[in-house]
């Protein structure tokens, strides 16, 4: 299987490290990390990604500007957030979503759905 280049945006260091570890354990995901909107925008504009795992609220700012860039580039997105379907900002509702806290299996299932693989067994 080819390597899947992944953008991971999460402002909480421990959560970002945990997410990176989970996806790197898959063995085919190459992770680029950002802890703030500015770094995420820069990466989204200048690098090519096959997948994005995005927190919805990054240091008090919505991830929406990064989502718009990735949408224009056709990058599949999984939102990983403490928001619920009911509290999700309207412009982000209806997207593939994993609520915090989450299990590793739930995250892996969402990743597989986003990149078009069969759900994790």
PDB file of N, CA and C in Angstrom:
ATOM      1  N   UNK A   1       0.848  -1.177   0.000  1.00  0.00           N
ATOM      2  CA  UNK A   1       0.000   0.000   0.000  1.00  0.00           C
ATOM      3  C   UNK A   1       0.893   1.240   0.000  1.00  0.00           C
ATOM      4  N   UNK A   2       0.469   2.264  -0.719  1.00  0.00           N
ATOM      5  CA  UNK A   2       1.246   3.505  -0.765  1.00  0.00           C
ATOM      6  C   UNK A   2       1.124   4.266   0.546  1.00  0.00           C
ATOM      7  N   UNK A   3       2.063   5.154   0.793  1.00  0.00           N
ATOM      8  CA  UNK A   3       2.029   5.988   1.986  1.00  0.00           C
ATOM      9  C   UNK A   3       0.963   7.064   1.837  1.00  0.00           C
ATOM     10  N   UNK A   4       0.182   7.296   2.875  1.00  0.00           N
ATOM     11  CA  UNK A   4      -0.868   8.305   2.897  1.00  0.00           C
ATOM     12  C   UNK A   4      -0.329   9.516   3.661  1.00  0.00           C
ATOM     13  N   UNK A   5      -0.121  10.618   2.959  1.00  0.00           N
ATOM     14  CA  UNK A   5       0.357  11.842   3.592  1.00  0.00           C
ATOM     15  C   UNK A   5      -0.801  12.488   4.341  1.00  0.00           C
ATOM     16  N   UNK A   6      -0.599  12.728   5.651  1.00  0.00           N
ATOM     17  CA  UNK A   6      -1.677  13.157   6.531  1.00  0.00           C
ATOM     18  C   UNK A   6      -1.329  14.452   7.247  1.00  0.00           C
ATOM     19  N   UNK A   7      -2.261  15.409   7.219  1.00  0.00           N
ATOM     20  CA  UNK A   7      -2.142  16.631   7.993  1.00  0.00           C
ATOM     21  C   UNK A   7      -2.911  16.429   9.292  1.00  0.00           C
ATOM     22  N   UNK A   8      -2.233  16.625  10.412  1.00  0.00           N
ATOM     23  CA  UNK A   8      -2.835  16.494  11.739  1.00  0.00           C
ATOM     24  C   UNK A   8      -2.786  17.859  12.415  1.00  0.00           C
ATOM     25  N   UNK A   9      -3.970  18.420  12.715  1.00  0.00           N
ATOM     26  CA  UNK A   9      -4.043  19.721  13.373  1.00  0.00           C
ATOM     27  C   UNK A   9      -4.746  19.544  14.715  1.00  0.00           C
ATOM     28  N   UNK A  10      -3.995  19.812  15.778  1.00  0.00           N
ATOM     29  CA  UNK A  10      -4.504  19.668  17.143  1.00  0.00           C
ATOM     30  C   UNK A  10      -3.660  20.563  18.034  1.00  0.00           C
ATOM     31  N   UNK A  11      -4.301  21.434  18.818  1.00  0.00           N
ATOM     32  CA  UNK A  11      -3.557  22.362  19.663  1.00  0.00           C
ATOM     33  C   UNK A  11      -3.120  21.766  20.995  1.00  0.00           C
ATOM     34  N   UNK A  12      -3.790  20.732  21.466  1.00  0.00           N
ATOM     35  CA  UNK A  12      -3.424  20.089  22.729  1.00  0.00           C
ATOM     36  C   UNK A  12      -2.288  19.093  22.468  1.00  0.00           C
ATOM     37  N   UNK A  13      -1.124  19.380  23.027  1.00  0.00           N
ATOM     38  CA  UNK A  13       0.080  18.602  22.735  1.00  0.00           C
ATOM     39  C   UNK A  13      -0.096  17.109  22.995  1.00  0.00           C
ATOM     40  N   UNK A  14      -0.636  16.734  24.159  1.00  0.00           N
ATOM     41  CA  UNK A  14      -0.775  15.312  24.472  1.00  0.00           C
ATOM     42  C   UNK A  14      -1.731  14.608  23.522  1.00  0.00           C
ATOM     43  N   UNK A  15      -2.825  15.270  23.169  1.00  0.00           N
ATOM     44  CA  UNK A  15      -3.783  14.678  22.227  1.00  0.00           C
ATOM     45  C   UNK A  15      -3.136  14.547  20.849  1.00  0.00           C
ATOM     46  N   UNK A  16      -2.405  15.585  20.408  1.00  0.00           N
ATOM     47  CA  UNK A  16      -1.725  15.533  19.116  1.00  0.00           C
ATOM     48  C   UNK A  16      -0.723  14.382  19.082  1.00  0.00           C
ATOM     49  N   UNK A  17       0.030  14.215  20.167  1.00  0.00           N
ATOM     50  CA  UNK A  17       1.004  13.123  20.216  1.00  0.00           C
ATOM     51  C   UNK A  17       0.307  11.763  20.162  1.00  0.00           C
ATOM     52  N   UNK A  18      -0.814  11.629  20.896  1.00  0.00           N
ATOM     53  CA  UNK A  18      -1.560  10.379  20.888  1.00  0.00           C
ATOM     54  C   UNK A  18      -2.113  10.076  19.496  1.00  0.00           C
ATOM     55  N   UNK A  19      -2.707  11.086  18.856  1.00  0.00           N
ATOM     56  CA  UNK A  19      -3.241  10.902  17.506  1.00  0.00           C
ATOM     57  C   UNK A  19      -2.136  10.514  16.530  1.00  0.00           C
ATOM     58  N   UNK A  20      -1.012  11.210  16.599  1.00  0.00           N
ATOM     59  CA  UNK A  20       0.107  10.899  15.706  1.00  0.00           C
ATOM     60  C   UNK A  20       0.582   9.469  15.908  1.00  0.00           C
ATOM     61  N   UNK A  21       0.663   9.047  17.150  1.00  0.00           N
ATOM     62  CA  UNK A  21       1.097   7.685  17.444  1.00  0.00           C
ATOM     63  C   UNK A  21       0.117   6.659  16.877  1.00  0.00           C
ATOM     64  N   UNK A  22      -1.167   6.908  17.057  1.00  0.00           N
ATOM     65  CA  UNK A  22      -2.182   5.977  16.549  1.00  0.00           C
ATOM     66  C   UNK A  22      -2.065   5.844  15.033  1.00  0.00           C
ATOM     67  N   UNK A  23      -2.011   6.961  14.331  1.00  0.00           N
ATOM     68  CA  UNK A  23      -2.006   6.865  12.867  1.00  0.00           C
ATOM     69  C   UNK A  23      -0.672   6.367  12.336  1.00  0.00           C
ATOM     70  N   UNK A  24       0.420   6.688  13.013  1.00  0.00           N
ATOM     71  CA  UNK A  24       1.719   6.172  12.563  1.00  0.00           C
ATOM     72  C   UNK A  24       1.818   4.665  12.766  1.00  0.00           C
ATOM     73  N   UNK A  25       1.112   4.127  13.778  1.00  0.00           N
ATOM     74  CA  UNK A  25       1.099   2.685  14.012  1.00  0.00           C
ATOM     75  C   UNK A  25       0.469   1.930  12.843  1.00  0.00           C
ATOM     76  N   UNK A  26      -0.352   2.598  12.069  1.00  0.00           N
ATOM     77  CA  UNK A  26      -0.941   1.949  10.899  1.00  0.00           C
ATOM     78  C   UNK A  26       0.134   1.556   9.893  1.00  0.00           C
ATOM     79  N   UNK A  27       1.225   2.303   9.885  1.00  0.00           N
ATOM     80  CA  UNK A  27       2.346   1.949   9.030  1.00  0.00           C
ATOM     81  C   UNK A  27       2.323   2.558   7.644  1.00  0.00           C
ATOM     82  N   UNK A  28       1.217   3.114   7.205  1.00  0.00           N
ATOM     83  CA  UNK A  28       1.161   3.689   5.872  1.00  0.00           C
ATOM     84  C   UNK A  28       0.767   5.161   5.875  1.00  0.00           C
ATOM     85  N   UNK A  29       0.709   5.758   7.056  1.00  0.00           N
ATOM     86  CA  UNK A  29       0.388   7.175   7.158  1.00  0.00           C
ATOM     87  C   UNK A  29       1.640   7.957   7.541  1.00  0.00           C
ATOM     88  N   UNK A  30       1.957   8.980   6.763  1.00  0.00           N
ATOM     89  CA  UNK A  30       3.051   9.901   7.048  1.00  0.00           C
ATOM     90  C   UNK A  30       2.410  11.169   7.594  1.00  0.00           C
ATOM     91  N   UNK A  31       2.719  11.548   8.836  1.00  0.00           N
ATOM     92  CA  UNK A  31       2.002  12.618   9.526  1.00  0.00           C
ATOM     93  C   UNK A  31       2.812  13.906   9.587  1.00  0.00           C
ATOM     94  N   UNK A  32       2.182  15.018   9.178  1.00  0.00           N
ATOM     95  CA  UNK A  32       2.709  16.367   9.386  1.00  0.00           C
ATOM     96  C   UNK A  32       1.796  17.020  10.409  1.00  0.00           C
ATOM     97  N   UNK A  33       2.386  17.595  11.450  1.00  0.00           N
ATOM     98  CA  UNK A  33       1.604  18.128  12.566  1.00  0.00           C
ATOM     99  C   UNK A  33       1.605  19.646  12.586  1.00  0.00           C
ATOM    100  N   UNK A  34       0.467  20.211  13.013  1.00  0.00           N
ATOM    101  CA  UNK A  34       0.349  21.649  13.246  1.00  0.00           C
ATOM    102  C   UNK A  34      -0.427  21.854  14.541  1.00  0.00           C
ATOM    103  N   UNK A  35       0.010  22.850  15.328  1.00  0.00           N
ATOM    104  CA  UNK A  35      -0.622  23.125  16.619  1.00  0.00           C
ATOM    105  C   UNK A  35      -1.436  24.405  16.611  1.00  0.00           C
ATOM    106  N   UNK A  36      -1.450  25.116  15.462  1.00  0.00           N
ATOM    107  CA  UNK A  36      -2.221  26.357  15.384  1.00  0.00           C
ATOM    108  C   UNK A  36      -2.714  26.568  13.955  1.00  0.00           C
ATOM    109  N   UNK A  37      -3.660  27.478  13.802  1.00  0.00           N
ATOM    110  CA  UNK A  37      -4.294  27.724  12.506  1.00  0.00           C
ATOM    111  C   UNK A  37      -3.277  28.216  11.471  1.00  0.00           C
ATOM    112  N   UNK A  38      -2.383  29.103  11.876  1.00  0.00           N
ATOM    113  CA  UNK A  38      -1.414  29.661  10.925  1.00  0.00           C
ATOM    114  C   UNK A  38      -0.532  28.572  10.329  1.00  0.00           C
ATOM    115  N   UNK A  39       0.013  27.707  11.183  1.00  0.00           N
ATOM    116  CA  UNK A  39       0.855  26.612  10.698  1.00  0.00           C
ATOM    117  C   UNK A  39       0.041  25.650   9.833  1.00  0.00           C
ATOM    118  N   UNK A  40      -1.196  25.380  10.238  1.00  0.00           N
ATOM    119  CA  UNK A  40      -2.054  24.478   9.472  1.00  0.00           C
ATOM    120  C   UNK A  40      -2.363  25.053   8.092  1.00  0.00           C
ATOM    121  N   UNK A  41      -2.670  26.351   8.042  1.00  0.00           N
ATOM    122  CA  UNK A  41      -2.938  26.998   6.743  1.00  0.00           C
ATOM    123  C   UNK A  41      -1.732  26.913   5.839  1.00  0.00           C
ATOM    124  N   UNK A  42      -0.571  27.196   6.383  1.00  0.00           N
ATOM    125  CA  UNK A  42       0.658  27.147   5.595  1.00  0.00           C
ATOM    126  C   UNK A  42       0.886  25.751   5.022  1.00  0.00           C
ATOM    127  N   UNK A  43       0.743  24.731   5.856  1.00  0.00           N
ATOM    128  CA  UNK A  43       0.911  23.361   5.382  1.00  0.00           C
ATOM    129  C   UNK A  43      -0.143  23.009   4.340  1.00  0.00           C
ATOM    130  N   UNK A  44      -1.400  23.373   4.601  1.00  0.00           N
ATOM    131  CA  UNK A  44      -2.496  23.055   3.675  1.00  0.00           C
ATOM    132  C   UNK A  44      -2.299  23.716   2.313  1.00  0.00           C
ATOM    133  N   UNK A  45      -1.699  24.899   2.305  1.00  0.00           N
ATOM    134  CA  UNK A  45      -1.480  25.630   1.052  1.00  0.00           C
ATOM    135  C   UNK A  45      -0.251  25.162   0.292  1.00  0.00           C
ATOM    136  N   UNK A  46       0.760  24.639   0.988  1.00  0.00           N
ATOM    137  CA  UNK A  46       2.042  24.378   0.341  1.00  0.00           C
ATOM    138  C   UNK A  46       2.403  22.911   0.183  1.00  0.00           C
ATOM    139  N   UNK A  47       1.756  22.030   0.920  1.00  0.00           N
ATOM    140  CA  UNK A  47       2.073  20.603   0.850  1.00  0.00           C
ATOM    141  C   UNK A  47       0.894  19.847   0.269  1.00  0.00           C
ATOM    142  N   UNK A  48       1.168  18.665  -0.224  1.00  0.00           N
ATOM    143  CA  UNK A  48       0.128  17.803  -0.762  1.00  0.00           C
ATOM    144  C   UNK A  48      -0.219  16.751   0.286  1.00  0.00           C
ATOM    145  N   UNK A  49      -1.507  16.647   0.594  1.00  0.00           N
ATOM    146  CA  UNK A  49      -1.980  15.683   1.579  1.00  0.00           C
ATOM    147  C   UNK A  49      -3.057  14.800   0.970  1.00  0.00           C
ATOM    148  N   UNK A  50      -3.096  13.553   1.461  1.00  0.00           N
ATOM    149  CA  UNK A  50      -4.125  12.588   1.062  1.00  0.00           C
ATOM    150  C   UNK A  50      -5.252  12.519   2.075  1.00  0.00           C
ATOM    151  N   UNK A  51      -5.019  13.080   3.275  1.00  0.00           N
ATOM    152  CA  UNK A  51      -5.966  12.980   4.380  1.00  0.00           C
ATOM    153  C   UNK A  51      -5.656  14.091   5.373  1.00  0.00           C
ATOM    154  N   UNK A  52      -6.694  14.596   6.041  1.00  0.00           N
ATOM    155  CA  UNK A  52      -6.493  15.563   7.122  1.00  0.00           C
ATOM    156  C   UNK A  52      -7.317  15.146   8.332  1.00  0.00           C
ATOM    157  N   UNK A  53      -6.682  15.171   9.502  1.00  0.00           N
ATOM    158  CA  UNK A  53      -7.339  14.947  10.791  1.00  0.00           C
ATOM    159  C   UNK A  53      -7.300  16.283  11.510  1.00  0.00           C
ATOM    160  N   UNK A  54      -8.468  16.892  11.694  1.00  0.00           N
ATOM    161  CA  UNK A  54      -8.523  18.265  12.169  1.00  0.00           C
ATOM    162  C   UNK A  54      -9.370  18.414  13.422  1.00  0.00           C
ATOM    163  N   UNK A  55      -8.805  19.083  14.426  1.00  0.00           N
ATOM    164  CA  UNK A  55      -9.604  19.517  15.562  1.00  0.00           C
ATOM    165  C   UNK A  55     -10.455  20.685  15.063  1.00  0.00           C
ATOM    166  N   UNK A  56     -11.641  20.854  15.587  1.00  0.00           N
ATOM    167  CA  UNK A  56     -12.549  21.915  15.135  1.00  0.00           C
ATOM    168  C   UNK A  56     -12.161  23.264  15.729  1.00  0.00           C
ATOM    169  N   UNK A  57     -11.794  23.259  17.010  1.00  0.00           N
ATOM    170  CA  UNK A  57     -11.433  24.497  17.696  1.00  0.00           C
ATOM    171  C   UNK A  57      -9.957  24.406  18.068  1.00  0.00           C
ATOM    172  N   UNK A  58      -9.144  25.220  17.404  1.00  0.00           N
ATOM    173  CA  UNK A  58      -7.705  25.178  17.608  1.00  0.00           C
ATOM    174  C   UNK A  58      -7.280  26.481  18.282  1.00  0.00           C
ATOM    175  N   UNK A  59      -6.958  26.388  19.552  1.00  0.00           N
ATOM    176  CA  UNK A  59      -6.529  27.548  20.346  1.00  0.00           C
ATOM    177  C   UNK A  59      -7.526  28.696  20.239  1.00  0.00           C
ATOM    178  N   UNK A  60      -8.820  28.378  20.285  1.00  0.00           N
ATOM    179  CA  UNK A  60      -9.861  29.391  20.277  1.00  0.00           C
ATOM    180  C   UNK A  60     -10.342  29.828  18.905  1.00  0.00           C
ATOM    181  N   UNK A  61      -9.758  29.286  17.835  1.00  0.00           N
ATOM    182  CA  UNK A  61     -10.178  29.632  16.468  1.00  0.00           C
ATOM    183  C   UNK A  61     -10.732  28.396  15.767  1.00  0.00           C
ATOM    184  N   UNK A  62     -11.801  28.605  14.997  1.00  0.00           N
ATOM    185  CA  UNK A  62     -12.361  27.489  14.230  1.00  0.00           C
ATOM    186  C   UNK A  62     -11.424  27.109  13.089  1.00  0.00           C
ATOM    187  N   UNK A  63     -11.414  25.843  12.754  1.00  0.00           N
ATOM    188  CA  UNK A  63     -10.550  25.282  11.722  1.00  0.00           C
ATOM    189  C   UNK A  63     -11.058  25.596  10.304  1.00  0.00           C
ATOM    190  N   UNK A  64     -12.166  26.303  10.188  1.00  0.00           N
ATOM    191  CA  UNK A  64     -12.831  26.560   8.912  1.00  0.00           C
ATOM    192  C   UNK A  64     -11.904  27.049   7.798  1.00  0.00           C
ATOM    193  N   UNK A  65     -10.987  28.015   8.025  1.00  0.00           N
ATOM    194  CA  UNK A  65     -10.119  28.450   6.920  1.00  0.00           C
ATOM    195  C   UNK A  65      -9.271  27.315   6.337  1.00  0.00           C
ATOM    196  N   UNK A  66      -8.823  26.413   7.185  1.00  0.00           N
ATOM    197  CA  UNK A  66      -8.033  25.274   6.727  1.00  0.00           C
ATOM    198  C   UNK A  66      -8.920  24.302   5.958  1.00  0.00           C
ATOM    199  N   UNK A  67     -10.141  24.091   6.447  1.00  0.00           N
ATOM    200  CA  UNK A  67     -11.096  23.221   5.765  1.00  0.00           C
ATOM    201  C   UNK A  67     -11.352  23.731   4.346  1.00  0.00           C
ATOM    202  N   UNK A  68     -11.532  25.045   4.183  1.00  0.00           N
ATOM    203  CA  UNK A  68     -11.779  25.606   2.849  1.00  0.00           C
ATOM    204  C   UNK A  68     -10.616  25.326   1.900  1.00  0.00           C
ATOM    205  N   UNK A  69      -9.392  25.475   2.383  1.00  0.00           N
ATOM    206  CA  UNK A  69      -8.211  25.200   1.556  1.00  0.00           C
ATOM    207  C   UNK A  69      -8.180  23.731   1.159  1.00  0.00           C
ATOM    208  N   UNK A  70      -8.377  22.849   2.128  1.00  0.00           N
ATOM    209  CA  UNK A  70      -8.326  21.409   1.851  1.00  0.00           C
ATOM    210  C   UNK A  70      -9.463  20.968   0.938  1.00  0.00           C
ATOM    211  N   UNK A  71     -10.652  21.547   1.118  1.00  0.00           N
ATOM    212  CA  UNK A  71     -11.774  21.228   0.229  1.00  0.00           C
ATOM    213  C   UNK A  71     -11.430  21.587  -1.220  1.00  0.00           C
ATOM    214  N   UNK A  72     -10.854  22.769  -1.424  1.00  0.00           N
ATOM    215  CA  UNK A  72     -10.475  23.186  -2.779  1.00  0.00           C
ATOM    216  C   UNK A  72      -9.453  22.248  -3.400  1.00  0.00           C
ATOM    217  N   UNK A  73      -8.642  21.630  -2.557  1.00  0.00           N
ATOM    218  CA  UNK A  73      -7.593  20.729  -3.027  1.00  0.00           C
ATOM    219  C   UNK A  73      -8.065  19.273  -3.067  1.00  0.00           C
ATOM    220  N   UNK A  74      -9.315  19.026  -2.649  1.00  0.00           N
ATOM    221  CA  UNK A  74      -9.880  17.676  -2.707  1.00  0.00           C
ATOM    222  C   UNK A  74      -9.343  16.716  -1.662  1.00  0.00           C
ATOM    223  N   UNK A  75      -8.918  17.231  -0.524  1.00  0.00           N
ATOM    224  CA  UNK A  75      -8.348  16.390   0.533  1.00  0.00           C
ATOM    225  C   UNK A  75      -9.467  15.895   1.454  1.00  0.00           C
ATOM    226  N   UNK A  76      -9.587  14.575   1.651  1.00  0.00           N
ATOM    227  CA  UNK A  76     -10.578  14.052   2.595  1.00  0.00           C
ATOM    228  C   UNK A  76     -10.248  14.509   4.015  1.00  0.00           C
ATOM    229  N   UNK A  77     -11.301  14.861   4.760  1.00  0.00           N
ATOM    230  CA  UNK A  77     -11.136  15.413   6.101  1.00  0.00           C
ATOM    231  C   UNK A  77     -11.909  14.577   7.111  1.00  0.00           C
ATOM    232  N   UNK A  78     -11.257  14.324   8.258  1.00  0.00           N
ATOM    233  CA  UNK A  78     -11.928  13.749   9.420  1.00  0.00           C
ATOM    234  C   UNK A  78     -11.798  14.782  10.532  1.00  0.00           C
ATOM    235  N   UNK A  79     -12.915  15.264  11.025  1.00  0.00           N
ATOM    236  CA  UNK A  79     -12.911  16.177  12.160  1.00  0.00           C
ATOM    237  C   UNK A  79     -12.823  15.352  13.438  1.00  0.00           C
ATOM    238  N   UNK A  80     -11.877  15.706  14.307  1.00  0.00           N
ATOM    239  CA  UNK A  80     -11.689  15.021  15.582  1.00  0.00           C
ATOM    240  C   UNK A  80     -11.868  16.089  16.651  1.00  0.00           C
ATOM    241  N   UNK A  81     -12.987  16.022  17.365  1.00  0.00           N
ATOM    242  CA  UNK A  81     -13.327  17.171  18.199  1.00  0.00           C
ATOM    243  C   UNK A  81     -14.162  16.818  19.412  1.00  0.00           C
ATOM    244  N   UNK A  82     -14.143  17.717  20.379  1.00  0.00           N
ATOM    245  CA  UNK A  82     -15.023  17.621  21.537  1.00  0.00           C
ATOM    246  C   UNK A  82     -16.431  18.101  21.238  1.00  0.00           C
ATOM    247  N   UNK A  83     -16.617  18.737  20.075  1.00  0.00           N
ATOM    248  CA  UNK A  83     -17.969  19.119  19.671  1.00  0.00           C
ATOM    249  C   UNK A  83     -18.787  17.862  19.406  1.00  0.00           C
ATOM    250  N   UNK A  84     -20.099  18.002  19.442  1.00  0.00           N
ATOM    251  CA  UNK A  84     -20.999  16.910  19.062  1.00  0.00           C
ATOM    252  C   UNK A  84     -21.668  17.298  17.753  1.00  0.00           C
ATOM    253  N   UNK A  85     -22.419  16.381  17.181  1.00  0.00           N
ATOM    254  CA  UNK A  85     -23.157  16.713  15.949  1.00  0.00           C
ATOM    255  C   UNK A  85     -24.087  17.904  16.195  1.00  0.00           C
ATOM    256  N   UNK A  86     -24.655  17.975  17.395  1.00  0.00           N
ATOM    257  CA  UNK A  86     -25.587  19.050  17.712  1.00  0.00           C
ATOM    258  C   UNK A  86     -24.891  20.391  17.945  1.00  0.00           C
ATOM    259  N   UNK A  87     -23.672  20.381  18.472  1.00  0.00           N
ATOM    260  CA  UNK A  87     -22.978  21.629  18.783  1.00  0.00           C
ATOM    261  C   UNK A  87     -21.953  22.037  17.728  1.00  0.00           C
ATOM    262  N   UNK A  88     -21.787  21.208  16.707  1.00  0.00           N
ATOM    263  CA  UNK A  88     -20.827  21.499  15.640  1.00  0.00           C
ATOM    264  C   UNK A  88     -21.195  22.816  14.956  1.00  0.00           C
ATOM    265  N   UNK A  89     -20.220  23.676  14.683  1.00  0.00           N
ATOM    266  CA  UNK A  89     -20.516  24.905  13.934  1.00  0.00           C
ATOM    267  C   UNK A  89     -21.224  24.556  12.620  1.00  0.00           C
ATOM    268  N   UNK A  90     -22.237  25.331  12.234  1.00  0.00           N
ATOM    269  CA  UNK A  90     -23.045  25.001  11.056  1.00  0.00           C
ATOM    270  C   UNK A  90     -22.230  24.743   9.796  1.00  0.00           C
ATOM    271  N   UNK A  91     -21.159  25.498   9.579  1.00  0.00           N
ATOM    272  CA  UNK A  91     -20.373  25.340   8.359  1.00  0.00           C
ATOM    273  C   UNK A  91     -19.571  24.039   8.323  1.00  0.00           C
ATOM    274  N   UNK A  92     -19.526  23.326   9.447  1.00  0.00           N
ATOM    275  CA  UNK A  92     -18.776  22.069   9.499  1.00  0.00           C
ATOM    276  C   UNK A  92     -19.674  20.849   9.702  1.00  0.00           C
ATOM    277  N   UNK A  93     -20.970  21.074   9.871  1.00  0.00           N
ATOM    278  CA  UNK A  93     -21.896  19.956  10.079  1.00  0.00           C
ATOM    279  C   UNK A  93     -21.937  19.061   8.841  1.00  0.00           C
ATOM    280  N   UNK A  94     -22.197  17.776   9.092  1.00  0.00           N
ATOM    281  CA  UNK A  94     -22.360  16.819   8.004  1.00  0.00           C
ATOM    282  C   UNK A  94     -21.060  16.212   7.506  1.00  0.00           C
ATOM    283  N   UNK A  95     -19.952  16.554   8.102  1.00  0.00           N
ATOM    284  CA  UNK A  95     -18.657  16.003   7.695  1.00  0.00           C
ATOM    285  C   UNK A  95     -18.344  14.753   8.512  1.00  0.00           C
ATOM    286  N   UNK A  96     -17.418  13.950   8.011  1.00  0.00           N
ATOM    287  CA  UNK A  96     -16.949  12.788   8.748  1.00  0.00           C
ATOM    288  C   UNK A  96     -16.365  13.285  10.066  1.00  0.00           C
ATOM    289  N   UNK A  97     -16.809  12.682  11.165  1.00  0.00           N
ATOM    290  CA  UNK A  97     -16.559  13.248  12.482  1.00  0.00           C
ATOM    291  C   UNK A  97     -16.286  12.146  13.497  1.00  0.00           C
ATOM    292  N   UNK A  98     -15.275  12.368  14.343  1.00  0.00           N
ATOM    293  CA  UNK A  98     -14.982  11.486  15.470  1.00  0.00           C
ATOM    294  C   UNK A  98     -14.983  12.358  16.719  1.00  0.00           C
ATOM    295  N   UNK A  99     -15.855  12.033  17.676  1.00  0.00           N
ATOM    296  CA  UNK A  99     -15.957  12.816  18.895  1.00  0.00           C
ATOM    297  C   UNK A  99     -14.931  12.401  19.936  1.00  0.00           C
ATOM    298  N   UNK A 100     -14.405  13.389  20.643  1.00  0.00           N
ATOM    299  CA  UNK A 100     -13.499  13.126  21.764  1.00  0.00           C
ATOM    300  C   UNK A 100     -14.343  12.925  23.008  1.00  0.00           C
ATOM    301  N   UNK A 101     -14.021  12.003  23.866  1.00  0.00           N
ATOM    302  CA  UNK A 101     -12.963  11.013  23.700  1.00  0.00           C
ATOM    303  C   UNK A 101     -13.390   9.946  22.696  1.00  0.00           C
ATOM    304  N   UNK A 102     -12.416   9.280  22.097  1.00  0.00           N
ATOM    305  CA  UNK A 102     -12.699   8.283  21.075  1.00  0.00           C
ATOM    306  C   UNK A 102     -11.844   7.054  21.330  1.00  0.00           C
ATOM    307  N   UNK A 103     -12.278   5.942  20.754  1.00  0.00           N
ATOM    308  CA  UNK A 103     -11.464   4.729  20.823  1.00  0.00           C
ATOM    309  C   UNK A 103     -10.575   4.688  19.590  1.00  0.00           C
ATOM    310  N   UNK A 104      -9.496   3.950  19.690  1.00  0.00           N
ATOM    311  CA  UNK A 104      -8.595   3.794  18.549  1.00  0.00           C
ATOM    312  C   UNK A 104      -9.357   3.192  17.368  1.00  0.00           C
ATOM    313  N   UNK A 105     -10.222   2.211  17.621  1.00  0.00           N
ATOM    314  CA  UNK A 105     -10.979   1.579  16.540  1.00  0.00           C
ATOM    315  C   UNK A 105     -11.902   2.568  15.832  1.00  0.00           C
ATOM    316  N   UNK A 106     -12.530   3.473  16.602  1.00  0.00           N
ATOM    317  CA  UNK A 106     -13.410   4.475  16.002  1.00  0.00           C
ATOM    318  C   UNK A 106     -12.617   5.405  15.094  1.00  0.00           C
ATOM    319  N   UNK A 107     -11.454   5.836  15.553  1.00  0.00           N
ATOM    320  CA  UNK A 107     -10.611   6.699  14.734  1.00  0.00           C
ATOM    321  C   UNK A 107     -10.141   5.974  13.481  1.00  0.00           C
ATOM    322  N   UNK A 108      -9.692   4.752  13.622  1.00  0.00           N
ATOM    323  CA  UNK A 108      -9.214   3.997  12.464  1.00  0.00           C
ATOM    324  C   UNK A 108     -10.328   3.755  11.456  1.00  0.00           C
ATOM    325  N   UNK A 109     -11.531   3.487  11.941  1.00  0.00           N
ATOM    326  CA  UNK A 109     -12.670   3.309  11.039  1.00  0.00           C
ATOM    327  C   UNK A 109     -12.915   4.587  10.238  1.00  0.00           C
ATOM    328  N   UNK A 110     -12.879   5.741  10.896  1.00  0.00           N
ATOM    329  CA  UNK A 110     -13.089   7.017  10.197  1.00  0.00           C
ATOM    330  C   UNK A 110     -11.982   7.281   9.177  1.00  0.00           C
ATOM    331  N   UNK A 111     -10.743   6.987   9.539  1.00  0.00           N
ATOM    332  CA  UNK A 111      -9.632   7.155   8.597  1.00  0.00           C
ATOM    333  C   UNK A 111      -9.849   6.281   7.369  1.00  0.00           C
ATOM    334  N   UNK A 112     -10.192   5.026   7.597  1.00  0.00           N
ATOM    335  CA  UNK A 112     -10.411   4.105   6.479  1.00  0.00           C
ATOM    336  C   UNK A 112     -11.563   4.556   5.589  1.00  0.00           C
ATOM    337  N   UNK A 113     -12.639   5.046   6.194  1.00  0.00           N
ATOM    338  CA  UNK A 113     -13.762   5.549   5.397  1.00  0.00           C
ATOM    339  C   UNK A 113     -13.345   6.769   4.586  1.00  0.00           C
ATOM    340  N   UNK A 114     -12.553   7.660   5.198  1.00  0.00           N
ATOM    341  CA  UNK A 114     -12.132   8.886   4.516  1.00  0.00           C
ATOM    342  C   UNK A 114     -11.264   8.590   3.295  1.00  0.00           C
ATOM    343  N   UNK A 115     -10.399   7.596   3.411  1.00  0.00           N
ATOM    344  CA  UNK A 115      -9.477   7.311   2.291  1.00  0.00           C
ATOM    345  C   UNK A 115      -9.982   6.191   1.389  1.00  0.00           C
ATOM    346  N   UNK A 116     -11.216   5.718   1.667  1.00  0.00           N
ATOM    347  CA  UNK A 116     -11.846   4.760   0.758  1.00  0.00           C
ATOM    348  C   UNK A 116     -11.449   3.318   0.962  1.00  0.00           C
ATOM    349  N   UNK A 117     -10.977   2.981   2.155  1.00  0.00           N
ATOM    350  CA  UNK A 117     -10.683   1.587   2.472  1.00  0.00           C
ATOM    351  C   UNK A 117     -11.852   0.987   3.219  1.00  0.00           C
ATOM    352  N   UNK A 118     -11.925  -0.332   3.227  1.00  0.00           N
ATOM    353  CA  UNK A 118     -12.969  -0.989   4.013  1.00  0.00           C
ATOM    354  C   UNK A 118     -12.785  -0.635   5.473  1.00  0.00           C
ATOM    355  N   UNK A 119     -13.872  -0.530   6.237  1.00  0.00           N
ATOM    356  CA  UNK A 119     -13.735  -0.241   7.665  1.00  0.00           C
ATOM    357  C   UNK A 119     -12.827  -1.244   8.360  1.00  0.00           C
ATOM    358  N   UNK A 120     -12.166  -0.774   9.403  1.00  0.00           N
ATOM    359  CA  UNK A 120     -11.277  -1.650  10.173  1.00  0.00           C
ATOM    360  C   UNK A 120     -12.069  -2.823  10.736  1.00  0.00           C
ATOM    361  N   UNK A 121     -11.443  -4.002  10.730  1.00  0.00           N
ATOM    362  CA  UNK A 121     -12.114  -5.206  11.240  1.00  0.00           C
ATOM    363  C   UNK A 121     -12.084  -5.243  12.739  1.00  0.00           C
TER     364      UNK A 121
END
